[in-house]
């Protein structure tokens, strides 16, 4: 009898944790509204005061080396056409002063600050 009660308690606990975890993920996504207009601008990191790249309406300009790539943006995903391959990025957060993206090819999360 005690084993059945223990199994039932463990199952219920895991189920509750799973539901809480899913609720937090939904809440995070519901608070995010990513639009193409929000990602347009110059972006850099905290290592220096300069912009690393500039996102325009239809292209991304990297400052060093001075190279421009076309991109397509949809919902929260950015596809950048770079030479013979496509880089895929998921925009996790964008607001007036920060951009957080995940490189879907390498699972790397990068944070950038808006430059004026």
Protein backbone atom coordinates (compact mmCIF):
# COMPACT_ATOMS: atom_id res chain seq x y z
CA UNK A 1 0.00 0.00 0.00
CA UNK A 2 2.74 2.49 0.91
CA UNK A 3 4.47 1.97 -2.45
CA UNK A 4 1.27 2.80 -4.36
CA UNK A 5 0.77 5.96 -2.30
CA UNK A 6 4.39 6.96 -2.85
CA UNK A 7 4.11 6.39 -6.61
CA UNK A 8 0.88 8.38 -6.75
CA UNK A 9 2.42 11.26 -4.77
CA UNK A 10 5.50 11.26 -6.98
CA UNK A 11 3.37 11.23 -10.14
CA UNK A 12 1.20 14.11 -8.93
CA UNK A 13 4.29 16.13 -7.94
CA UNK A 14 5.88 15.65 -11.35
CA UNK A 15 2.64 16.56 -13.09
CA UNK A 16 2.35 19.79 -11.07
CA UNK A 17 5.97 20.73 -11.87
CA UNK A 18 5.38 20.09 -15.56
CA UNK A 19 2.27 22.27 -15.55
CA UNK A 20 4.11 25.11 -13.79
CA UNK A 21 6.98 24.86 -16.24
CA UNK A 22 4.65 25.02 -19.25
CA UNK A 23 2.73 27.96 -17.77
CA UNK A 24 5.94 29.98 -17.36
CA UNK A 25 6.97 29.34 -20.97
CA UNK A 26 3.58 30.44 -22.26
CA UNK A 27 3.73 33.56 -20.10
CA UNK A 28 7.17 34.47 -21.52
CA UNK A 29 5.98 34.09 -25.09
CA UNK A 30 2.74 35.98 -24.44
CA UNK A 31 4.74 39.00 -23.18
CA UNK A 32 6.90 39.12 -26.28
CA UNK A 33 5.82 40.90 -29.43
CA UNK A 34 8.58 40.74 -31.99
CA UNK A 35 8.12 42.80 -35.15
CA UNK A 36 10.41 43.62 -38.04
CA UNK A 37 10.27 47.32 -37.12
CA UNK A 38 11.64 46.63 -33.64
CA UNK A 39 14.79 44.87 -34.87
CA UNK A 40 15.76 47.65 -37.30
CA UNK A 41 18.72 49.65 -36.04
CA UNK A 42 22.39 49.50 -35.10
CA UNK A 43 23.39 46.85 -32.55
CA UNK A 44 26.57 46.21 -30.55
CA UNK A 45 27.72 44.45 -27.41
CA UNK A 46 29.12 45.82 -24.17
CA UNK A 47 32.71 45.04 -25.10
CA UNK A 48 33.02 48.27 -27.05
CA UNK A 49 30.92 51.30 -27.81
CA UNK A 50 30.67 50.65 -31.53
CA UNK A 51 27.96 48.93 -33.53
CA UNK A 52 28.75 45.43 -34.78
CA UNK A 53 25.94 45.36 -37.32
CA UNK A 54 23.09 47.44 -38.66
CA UNK A 55 19.72 45.84 -39.48
CA UNK A 56 17.91 47.67 -42.26
CA UNK A 57 14.56 46.91 -43.88
CA UNK A 58 15.92 44.17 -46.15
CA UNK A 59 19.57 43.63 -45.24
CA UNK A 60 22.09 43.35 -42.41
CA UNK A 61 25.30 45.34 -42.69
CA UNK A 62 28.27 44.04 -40.70
CA UNK A 63 30.73 46.82 -39.91
CA UNK A 64 33.89 44.70 -39.80
CA UNK A 65 34.35 43.48 -42.46
CA UNK A 66 32.06 45.83 -44.37
CA UNK A 67 29.66 43.17 -45.66
CA UNK A 68 25.93 43.24 -46.38
CA UNK A 69 23.59 40.22 -46.36
CA UNK A 70 19.93 39.91 -47.29
CA UNK A 71 17.52 38.57 -44.70
CA UNK A 72 13.90 37.53 -44.28
CA UNK A 73 12.06 38.09 -41.02
CA UNK A 74 8.88 36.29 -40.02
CA UNK A 75 7.12 36.23 -36.65
CA UNK A 76 10.20 35.75 -34.42
CA UNK A 77 12.66 34.13 -36.83
CA UNK A 78 15.33 35.80 -38.92
CA UNK A 79 16.90 33.98 -41.88
CA UNK A 80 20.12 35.62 -43.08
CA UNK A 81 21.43 34.60 -46.51
CA UNK A 82 25.20 34.54 -46.20
CA UNK A 83 27.13 33.42 -49.26
CA UNK A 84 26.14 29.77 -49.84
CA UNK A 85 24.29 29.05 -46.61
CA UNK A 86 21.48 30.42 -44.45
CA UNK A 87 21.92 31.45 -40.81
CA UNK A 88 18.81 30.96 -38.68
CA UNK A 89 18.15 33.13 -35.62
CA UNK A 90 15.30 33.14 -33.14
CA UNK A 91 14.58 36.57 -31.63
CA UNK A 92 14.00 35.90 -27.94
CA UNK A 93 13.58 39.54 -26.92
CA UNK A 94 13.71 42.95 -28.52
CA UNK A 95 12.88 46.30 -26.99
CA UNK A 96 14.07 49.91 -27.21
CA UNK A 97 17.58 49.13 -26.01
CA UNK A 98 18.31 45.40 -26.27
CA UNK A 99 18.16 42.49 -28.69
CA UNK A 100 18.56 38.88 -27.56
CA UNK A 101 18.81 36.22 -30.25
CA UNK A 102 19.53 32.51 -30.39
CA UNK A 103 21.54 31.15 -33.28
CA UNK A 104 19.51 28.05 -34.15
CA UNK A 105 22.42 26.44 -35.99
CA UNK A 106 24.78 26.56 -33.00
CA UNK A 107 22.38 27.03 -30.03
CA UNK A 108 24.23 30.16 -28.95
CA UNK A 109 22.37 33.02 -27.28
CA UNK A 110 23.71 36.51 -27.95
CA UNK A 111 22.75 39.83 -26.35
CA UNK A 112 23.17 43.16 -28.12
CA UNK A 113 22.53 46.75 -27.13
CA UNK A 114 21.07 49.36 -29.45
CA UNK A 115 23.52 51.95 -30.73
CA UNK A 116 22.46 55.41 -31.86
